[in-house]
């Protein structure tokens, strides 16, 4: 005859199973929480990295846009107080200086001297692309109003395209403005941020002598148009109608 379990023993057995079930559920919950915490941290990291990338791209876009606007206002102006046939535009890999009709300088066109240079940060964390401006005078004057166009753990370099589309690393003592300025932006790893350099075009490539009207070589666009009109006027005009031949 089987022994009959008492009520106390059955209640103790049920309590034991309840404790094991609770411990198992707790272990599963802890494992799930660990997985979710890892996933959340990765998601937050990716989100922050994505926001940082978007902010950096917006900064680069704004800075390059401002630089592009200045270059579209560049003028092929001679250095004031000199008879040099060269334009006032100097540039290398790390800086460039030119005259632009920004509307905030002297004269009706607001001509100013614009300087854009790559400056290393004091703490060594990266570089900054700084724009400054000043008056166009015979005596060099300090530049003012520095504006940071972009900054960060990046590298910025310039090169220049001539009228034939050839790339040069410096632009000095030239009679014309460059056709375009190529801007190279490299990230912290040294890889380019953009797949190709950003080309910032300048206005119609004229020599300083064309702007002043001192060029008699016929190489300026206005002179070329005048020569073409004169040649057309000198050509004999045949007004005879071929359909009315005797």
Foldseek 3Di string as FASTA:
>chain_A
DDDDDDPVVVVVVVVVVVVVVVVVVVVVVVVVVVVVVVVVVVVVVVVVVVVVVVVQVVLLVQLVVVVLVQQQQFDQAPQPPDPQQHGQWKDAFFKIKTWGQPVCQDDPSRIKIKIWGWAADPVRFAIWTWIWIDHRDNDDDDTDDIDTSHIGLKDKTKWFQAPVRDIDRIDPSHQKDTQWIWIWMAHNVRHTPDPGTDTRGYPDIDGNCVVVVNDPPQPDPVSVVVVVVVVVVPDDDDPDDPVPDD
